[in-house]
Protein backbone atom coordinates (compact mmCIF):
# COMPACT_ATOMS: atom_id res chain seq x y z
CA MET A 1 95.51 -152.03 16.57
CA SER A 2 97.31 -151.70 13.24
CA THR A 3 99.24 -148.48 12.63
CA ASP A 4 99.11 -149.13 8.88
CA TRP A 5 95.38 -148.53 8.56
CA SER A 6 94.11 -145.51 6.64
CA LYS A 7 92.24 -142.73 8.44
CA ARG A 8 88.89 -144.11 7.28
CA THR A 9 89.62 -147.51 8.87
CA GLN A 10 91.07 -145.99 12.06
CA ALA A 11 87.91 -143.92 12.37
CA VAL A 12 85.84 -147.09 12.62
CA HIS A 13 88.12 -149.45 14.54
CA GLY A 14 90.87 -147.46 16.26
CA GLY A 15 91.25 -148.00 20.01
CA THR A 16 88.38 -150.51 20.26
CA ARG A 17 88.15 -152.48 23.51
CA ARG A 18 85.56 -155.23 23.97
CA SER A 19 84.24 -156.57 27.24
CA GLN A 20 83.71 -160.27 27.91
CA TRP A 21 80.35 -159.95 26.14
CA GLY A 22 81.94 -159.22 22.74
CA GLU A 23 79.72 -156.26 21.87
CA VAL A 24 79.90 -154.74 18.35
CA SER A 25 79.26 -151.13 19.36
CA GLU A 26 81.68 -149.73 21.93
CA ALA A 27 80.50 -150.14 25.52
CA ILE A 28 79.68 -147.17 27.73
CA PHE A 29 81.29 -147.59 31.13
CA LEU A 30 79.15 -145.27 33.20
CA THR A 31 80.98 -145.56 36.48
CA GLN A 32 82.72 -143.03 38.65
CA GLY A 33 85.13 -145.55 40.18
CA PHE A 34 86.59 -149.04 39.91
CA VAL A 35 86.81 -152.01 42.29
CA TYR A 36 90.06 -153.62 43.40
CA GLU A 37 90.32 -157.31 44.29
CA THR A 38 92.69 -156.61 47.16
CA ALA A 39 94.10 -153.71 49.16
CA GLU A 40 97.49 -154.53 47.67
CA GLN A 41 96.07 -154.13 44.16
CA ALA A 42 94.60 -150.75 45.06
CA GLU A 43 97.93 -149.60 46.47
CA ALA A 44 99.80 -150.74 43.36
CA ARG A 45 97.37 -149.05 41.00
CA PHE A 46 97.66 -145.71 42.81
CA ILE A 47 101.43 -145.96 42.47
CA GLU A 48 101.22 -146.66 38.73
CA CYS A 49 98.36 -147.71 36.45
CA GLY A 50 99.18 -150.39 33.91
CA PRO A 51 97.56 -150.72 30.47
CA ASP A 52 93.78 -150.80 30.76
CA GLU A 53 93.86 -150.20 34.49
CA PHE A 54 91.67 -147.44 35.88
CA ILE A 55 91.19 -145.70 39.23
CA TYR A 56 88.57 -143.00 38.94
CA ALA A 57 86.58 -141.46 36.08
CA ARG A 58 88.34 -138.12 36.54
CA TYR A 59 91.64 -139.92 35.84
CA GLY A 60 90.51 -142.20 33.03
CA ASN A 61 87.78 -144.56 31.82
CA PRO A 62 87.64 -147.40 29.26
CA THR A 63 85.16 -145.60 26.97
CA VAL A 64 87.14 -142.36 27.19
CA ALA A 65 90.37 -144.27 26.51
CA MET A 66 88.88 -145.66 23.29
CA PHE A 67 88.06 -142.15 22.12
CA GLU A 68 91.53 -140.88 23.06
CA GLU A 69 93.30 -143.67 21.19
CA ARG A 70 91.09 -143.33 18.12
CA ILE A 71 91.50 -139.58 17.73
CA ALA A 72 95.27 -139.78 18.41
CA ALA A 73 95.59 -142.39 15.65
CA LEU A 74 93.61 -140.21 13.23
CA GLU A 75 95.74 -137.16 13.98
CA GLY A 76 99.06 -139.03 13.94
CA GLY A 77 99.84 -138.29 17.58
CA GLU A 78 101.25 -140.65 20.19
CA ASP A 79 98.56 -140.02 22.80
CA ALA A 80 95.57 -137.87 23.70
CA PHE A 81 93.65 -136.65 26.74
CA ALA A 82 89.91 -136.04 26.40
CA THR A 83 88.29 -133.08 28.15
CA ALA A 84 84.84 -131.85 29.07
CA SER A 85 84.78 -129.24 26.28
CA GLY A 86 86.94 -127.67 23.61
CA MET A 87 87.75 -124.75 25.87
CA ALA A 88 88.81 -127.14 28.65
CA ALA A 89 91.23 -128.58 26.10
CA VAL A 90 92.66 -125.17 25.14
CA ASN A 91 92.98 -124.18 28.79
CA GLY A 92 94.46 -127.54 29.76
CA ALA A 93 97.03 -127.59 26.98
CA LEU A 94 98.29 -124.09 27.78
CA VAL A 95 98.01 -123.81 31.55
CA SER A 96 99.50 -127.25 32.20
CA MET A 97 102.76 -126.28 30.50
CA LEU A 98 103.11 -122.63 31.61
CA LYS A 99 104.18 -120.86 34.78
CA ALA A 100 104.79 -117.28 35.93
CA GLY A 101 107.54 -115.65 33.88
CA ASP A 102 106.98 -117.75 30.75
CA HIS A 103 106.44 -116.12 27.37
CA VAL A 104 103.82 -117.10 24.78
CA VAL A 105 103.37 -115.77 21.25
CA SER A 106 99.86 -116.06 19.83
CA ALA A 107 98.03 -115.14 16.68
CA LYS A 108 95.57 -112.36 17.45
CA ALA A 109 92.73 -113.77 15.31
CA LEU A 110 91.13 -116.12 17.84
CA PHE A 111 87.76 -117.30 19.09
CA GLY A 112 86.60 -115.05 21.92
CA SER A 113 87.09 -117.61 24.71
CA CYS A 114 90.59 -118.50 23.49
CA LEU A 115 91.43 -114.82 23.53
CA TYR A 116 90.10 -114.57 27.10
CA ILE A 117 92.43 -117.34 28.28
CA LEU A 118 95.44 -115.64 26.73
CA GLU A 119 94.56 -112.05 27.60
CA ASN A 120 92.96 -112.49 31.02
CA ILE A 121 93.84 -115.81 32.61
CA LEU A 122 97.46 -116.43 31.62
CA THR A 123 98.50 -112.84 32.21
CA ARG A 124 96.77 -112.87 35.61
CA TYR A 125 99.24 -115.54 36.70
CA GLY A 126 102.34 -113.87 35.35
CA VAL A 127 102.61 -115.30 31.84
CA GLU A 128 103.65 -112.75 29.22
CA VAL A 129 101.68 -112.94 25.97
CA THR A 130 102.61 -111.28 22.68
CA PHE A 131 100.03 -111.12 19.88
CA VAL A 132 100.91 -111.12 16.18
CA ASP A 133 99.23 -111.24 12.79
CA GLY A 134 99.30 -115.00 12.34
CA THR A 135 99.64 -114.82 8.56
CA ASP A 136 102.76 -112.59 8.77
CA LEU A 137 105.83 -114.77 9.30
CA GLU A 138 108.03 -111.74 9.94
CA GLN A 139 105.88 -110.86 12.94
CA TRP A 140 106.35 -114.39 14.32
CA ARG A 141 110.13 -114.09 13.84
CA ALA A 142 110.21 -110.73 15.58
CA ALA A 143 108.05 -111.87 18.49
CA VAL A 144 109.66 -115.18 19.51
CA ARG A 145 112.81 -115.08 21.61
CA PRO A 146 115.06 -117.45 23.53
CA GLY A 147 112.91 -118.65 26.38
CA THR A 148 109.59 -118.39 24.55
CA LYS A 149 107.74 -121.42 25.90
CA ALA A 150 104.91 -121.80 23.40
CA VAL A 151 103.22 -120.40 20.33
CA PHE A 152 99.47 -120.71 19.88
CA PHE A 153 97.19 -120.19 16.90
CA GLU A 154 94.07 -121.41 15.16
CA SER A 155 95.20 -123.12 11.96
CA MET A 156 92.13 -121.53 10.34
CA SER A 157 90.87 -118.53 12.26
CA ASN A 158 87.36 -118.01 13.58
CA PRO A 159 85.42 -116.37 11.91
CA THR A 160 87.53 -114.66 9.22
CA LEU A 161 89.09 -117.92 7.99
CA GLU A 162 92.72 -116.86 7.77
CA VAL A 163 94.94 -119.90 7.22
CA ILE A 164 98.24 -119.98 9.11
CA ASP A 165 101.28 -121.78 7.73
CA ILE A 166 101.86 -124.50 10.33
CA THR A 167 105.18 -125.69 8.89
CA ALA A 168 106.68 -122.20 8.68
CA VAL A 169 105.54 -121.09 12.15
CA ALA A 170 106.73 -124.40 13.63
CA GLU A 171 110.20 -123.86 12.18
CA ILE A 172 110.33 -120.39 13.75
CA ALA A 173 109.07 -121.64 17.11
CA HIS A 174 111.26 -124.72 17.28
CA ALA A 175 114.36 -122.62 16.56
CA VAL A 176 113.95 -121.07 20.03
CA GLY A 177 112.70 -124.27 21.71
CA ALA A 178 109.02 -123.29 21.89
CA LYS A 179 106.17 -125.80 21.64
CA VAL A 180 103.66 -125.31 18.84
CA VAL A 181 100.05 -125.53 20.06
CA VAL A 182 97.43 -125.54 17.29
CA ASP A 183 93.67 -125.16 17.69
CA ASN A 184 92.67 -127.19 14.66
CA VAL A 185 88.87 -127.08 14.76
CA PHE A 186 88.20 -125.46 11.39
CA SER A 187 90.81 -127.60 9.61
CA THR A 188 89.15 -130.77 11.02
CA PRO A 189 90.83 -134.12 11.70
CA VAL A 190 89.77 -135.15 8.19
CA PHE A 191 91.84 -132.60 6.28
CA SER A 192 94.55 -131.84 8.84
CA ARG A 193 98.10 -133.16 9.00
CA ALA A 194 99.13 -130.66 11.68
CA ILE A 195 101.48 -132.95 13.64
CA GLU A 196 103.19 -134.11 10.46
CA GLN A 197 103.57 -130.43 9.52
CA GLY A 198 105.27 -129.49 12.80
CA ALA A 199 102.65 -129.01 15.52
CA ASP A 200 103.64 -130.41 18.92
CA VAL A 201 100.15 -130.19 20.41
CA VAL A 202 96.81 -130.23 18.59
CA VAL A 203 93.57 -129.20 20.27
CA TYR A 204 90.03 -129.90 19.11
CA SER A 205 86.58 -129.00 20.26
CA ALA A 206 85.05 -132.43 19.70
CA THR A 207 81.69 -130.66 19.98
CA LYS A 208 82.17 -129.58 16.37
CA HIS A 209 82.91 -131.99 13.50
CA ILE A 210 83.81 -134.98 15.68
CA ASP A 211 80.33 -135.20 17.18
CA GLY A 212 79.00 -133.21 14.27
CA GLN A 213 75.36 -133.67 15.18
CA GLY A 214 74.79 -131.14 17.94
CA ARG A 215 74.52 -133.64 20.78
CA ALA A 216 77.31 -133.19 23.29
CA LEU A 217 80.25 -131.14 24.50
CA GLY A 218 83.77 -132.51 24.40
CA GLY A 219 87.37 -131.66 23.70
CA VAL A 220 90.71 -133.37 23.22
CA ILE A 221 94.43 -132.58 23.44
CA ILE A 222 96.77 -134.61 21.20
CA GLY A 223 100.54 -134.76 21.45
CA SER A 224 103.52 -136.85 22.47
CA ARG A 225 102.99 -139.48 25.16
CA GLU A 226 105.45 -137.65 27.41
CA PHE A 227 103.53 -134.37 27.11
CA ILE A 228 100.07 -135.90 27.47
CA ARG A 229 100.81 -138.19 30.41
CA GLY A 230 103.58 -136.15 32.05
CA THR A 231 102.20 -132.61 31.70
CA VAL A 232 98.54 -132.58 30.68
CA GLU A 233 97.17 -135.55 32.62
CA PRO A 234 98.40 -134.45 36.09
CA TYR A 235 96.91 -131.00 35.58
CA LEU A 236 93.55 -132.14 34.24
CA LYS A 237 92.98 -135.07 36.57
CA HIS A 238 93.52 -132.81 39.59
CA THR A 239 91.51 -129.86 38.24
CA GLY A 240 88.60 -131.96 36.99
CA GLY A 241 88.13 -131.23 33.30
CA ALA A 242 87.48 -134.88 32.39
CA LEU A 243 85.18 -136.00 29.57
CA SER A 244 82.01 -137.89 30.51
CA PRO A 245 82.05 -141.55 29.37
CA PHE A 246 78.66 -141.05 27.75
CA ASN A 247 79.97 -138.07 25.76
CA ALA A 248 83.06 -140.07 24.82
CA TRP A 249 80.76 -142.76 23.40
CA ILE A 250 78.92 -140.13 21.36
CA MET A 251 82.26 -138.89 20.00
CA LEU A 252 83.29 -142.44 19.08
CA LYS A 253 80.07 -142.84 17.10
CA GLY A 254 80.64 -139.44 15.48
CA ILE A 255 84.17 -140.30 14.38
CA GLU A 256 82.88 -143.29 12.42
CA THR A 257 81.02 -141.05 9.95
CA MET A 258 83.12 -137.89 10.27
CA ALA A 259 85.00 -138.24 6.97
CA LEU A 260 81.78 -138.81 5.03
CA ARG A 261 80.12 -135.80 6.65
CA VAL A 262 83.06 -133.40 6.47
CA ASN A 263 83.91 -134.16 2.85
CA ALA A 264 80.28 -133.65 1.83
CA GLN A 265 80.07 -130.39 3.82
CA ALA A 266 83.30 -129.05 2.32
CA GLU A 267 82.11 -129.88 -1.20
CA THR A 268 78.89 -127.95 -0.57
CA ALA A 269 80.77 -125.06 1.05
CA GLN A 270 82.97 -124.74 -2.05
CA LYS A 271 79.94 -124.60 -4.34
CA LEU A 272 78.14 -122.06 -2.15
CA ALA A 273 81.20 -119.83 -1.91
CA GLU A 274 81.71 -119.87 -5.67
CA ALA A 275 78.03 -119.10 -6.29
CA LEU A 276 77.87 -116.25 -3.76
CA GLU A 277 81.17 -114.56 -4.57
CA GLY A 278 80.44 -111.24 -6.22
CA HIS A 279 76.79 -111.11 -5.11
CA PRO A 280 75.68 -107.45 -5.14
CA ALA A 281 74.53 -107.59 -1.50
CA LEU A 282 77.95 -108.76 -0.30
CA ALA A 283 81.06 -106.67 0.32
CA ARG A 284 83.22 -109.83 0.41
CA THR A 285 82.98 -113.60 0.50
CA LEU A 286 85.56 -115.44 2.60
CA TYR A 287 86.32 -119.09 1.93
CA PRO A 288 89.80 -120.66 1.85
CA GLY A 289 88.85 -122.78 -1.15
CA LEU A 290 88.26 -119.71 -3.32
CA LYS A 291 91.12 -118.65 -5.59
CA SER A 292 90.54 -115.10 -4.36
CA HIS A 293 91.39 -116.11 -0.78
CA ALA A 294 94.75 -114.74 0.38
CA GLN A 295 95.98 -118.15 1.55
CA ASN A 296 94.47 -120.31 -1.19
CA ALA A 297 97.90 -121.54 -2.30
CA LEU A 298 98.66 -122.60 1.27
CA VAL A 299 95.33 -124.47 1.41
CA GLN A 300 96.53 -126.64 -1.48
CA THR A 301 99.60 -127.85 0.42
CA GLN A 302 98.42 -127.73 4.03
CA LEU A 303 94.86 -129.03 3.63
CA GLY A 304 94.99 -130.94 0.36
CA GLY A 305 93.04 -128.20 -1.40
CA LYS A 306 90.04 -128.50 0.92
CA GLY A 307 88.67 -125.20 2.16
CA GLY A 308 86.74 -126.61 5.10
CA THR A 309 83.09 -126.58 6.08
CA VAL A 310 82.66 -122.90 6.99
CA LEU A 311 82.41 -119.76 4.88
CA SER A 312 81.92 -116.17 5.94
CA PHE A 313 80.39 -113.28 4.02
CA ASP A 314 80.01 -109.62 4.75
CA LEU A 315 76.73 -107.88 3.98
CA LYS A 316 77.07 -104.32 2.71
CA GLY A 317 74.23 -103.09 4.88
CA GLY A 318 75.99 -103.86 8.18
CA LYS A 319 74.16 -105.18 11.23
CA PRO A 320 70.60 -104.30 10.06
CA ALA A 321 71.16 -106.16 6.79
CA ALA A 322 72.81 -109.08 8.60
CA PHE A 323 69.84 -109.43 10.95
CA ARG A 324 67.34 -109.20 8.07
CA PHE A 325 69.31 -111.92 6.29
CA LEU A 326 69.38 -114.19 9.35
CA ASN A 327 65.69 -113.73 10.03
CA ALA A 328 64.81 -114.55 6.41
CA LEU A 329 66.57 -117.93 6.37
CA THR A 330 64.27 -120.96 6.31
CA ILE A 331 66.69 -123.93 6.26
CA PRO A 332 69.79 -122.93 8.29
CA VAL A 333 69.29 -122.32 11.99
CA ILE A 334 70.58 -119.29 13.88
CA SER A 335 72.99 -120.59 16.50
CA ASN A 336 76.63 -120.32 17.55
CA ASN A 337 77.95 -123.84 16.97
CA LEU A 338 79.64 -125.11 13.79
CA GLY A 339 80.58 -128.37 12.12
CA ASP A 340 77.03 -129.67 12.56
CA ALA A 341 74.90 -131.77 10.21
CA LYS A 342 72.50 -128.80 10.16
CA SER A 343 73.63 -125.57 8.49
CA ILE A 344 74.14 -122.85 11.09
CA ALA A 345 74.33 -119.09 10.59
CA THR A 346 76.05 -116.93 13.21
CA HIS A 347 76.51 -113.19 13.66
CA PRO A 348 79.92 -113.11 15.40
CA ALA A 349 79.88 -109.42 16.34
CA THR A 350 76.87 -109.89 18.62
CA THR A 351 77.47 -113.49 19.78
CA THR A 352 80.76 -115.41 19.70
CA HIS A 353 82.95 -112.29 19.64
CA GLN A 354 80.56 -109.94 21.43
CA ARG A 355 82.88 -109.42 24.43
CA LEU A 356 85.56 -107.83 22.23
CA SER A 357 85.63 -104.09 21.88
CA GLU A 358 84.51 -102.50 18.63
CA GLU A 359 88.15 -101.65 17.92
CA GLN A 360 89.27 -105.24 18.51
CA ARG A 361 86.58 -106.62 16.24
CA ALA A 362 87.49 -104.13 13.52
CA ALA A 363 91.17 -105.10 13.78
CA LEU A 364 90.22 -108.76 13.32
CA GLY A 365 87.93 -108.04 10.37
CA ILE A 366 84.76 -108.88 12.30
CA THR A 367 82.47 -106.26 10.83
CA PRO A 368 78.83 -105.58 11.80
CA GLY A 369 77.73 -107.23 8.55
CA LEU A 370 79.80 -110.40 8.87
CA ILE A 371 77.98 -113.75 8.87
CA ARG A 372 79.73 -117.04 9.69
CA PHE A 373 77.99 -119.85 7.84
CA SER A 374 78.67 -123.44 8.89
CA VAL A 375 77.59 -125.72 6.07
CA GLY A 376 75.54 -128.78 6.94
CA LEU A 377 74.41 -131.85 5.04
CA GLU A 378 71.39 -130.37 3.30
CA ASP A 379 71.05 -130.34 -0.48
CA VAL A 380 73.30 -127.70 -2.02
CA GLY A 381 70.55 -126.47 -4.34
CA ASP A 382 68.14 -125.95 -1.48
CA LEU A 383 70.76 -124.09 0.56
CA LEU A 384 71.78 -121.84 -2.31
CA ALA A 385 68.18 -120.93 -3.11
CA ASP A 386 67.56 -120.10 0.54
CA LEU A 387 70.71 -118.02 0.86
CA ARG A 388 69.84 -116.06 -2.29
CA GLN A 389 66.29 -115.28 -1.18
CA ALA A 390 67.57 -114.19 2.25
CA LEU A 391 70.15 -111.93 0.60
CA GLU A 392 67.40 -110.36 -1.50
CA GLN A 393 65.46 -109.57 1.68
CA ALA A 394 68.58 -108.14 3.34
């Protein structure tokens, strides 16, 4: 495959393999294992797999390999390993590289399950974790030290949409030899240039914008070939977090239209944020594309001026007002996913971040009135009218 193709072309053709039948749409290889012509061939393959040689679906699969190559090409990475979910990718990227006694520095503004891995799982096995305000570079400088193994952060935090300076944090981390692991879901593969900006490892929940149509779970870890095949693959193939070939096929189909969907969603999100900012029912409107956003200047350089597909807003009436608002919506659905073709409204304090204490949520800016709104592909006028009528009822 050409490395000179643009992202749009890679999204349609990257990593394609065709069987002897010459199919147009990628084939789904729904098989748990593979047949060897001889015992000698089986022995050789277990010693070392060559290109397009497979052993077992937990180790690799032709459909999954197409997805891995395509998303790696889009992100500018050398290689990728696909996982059963986004959280399997976060867990796999971190646990595969860490051992007892290692030190990790992480931004504190994280999705609840990411926070659980760092606070509960890694520390249980002797990894020391230091949390910082991800937008404060001085805190990163103070926290890293010689021997720090990794830094971890969401490039755009969930759900308060803080944007972290990848280039600056990478410079701080690399100065002490630490790997930079970025959960890039909200930035999307469409707007992101995380590896170019200094990330060593990029993690996605493919469930979000990559599928983008609410059909399947999936995740992916992208990085250098040495890291993916030498560190990540041995861990994941032995612990079983492999992506289903059928789900990989869904992700391949999703990638083909991802740029069209995500650009349209971000355009609508910008218009909604501008229209809602200053609404009397709202204490604040959070969207990285707004000039009022604290990291709007960074958005211009890091994300090409695109604020993403998600906005958050805080109702003055707290939880009762938030629930009245949610229950009054007629177009968006109440759910806890994002990046979908359908607009989705979420109340983080009682769902995605429910396990955090009230004090933790307050420290992260997750108030009782906060709504995370993932913008879909509906007409912007219809969405705005619906949001305004729901705000009136709140």
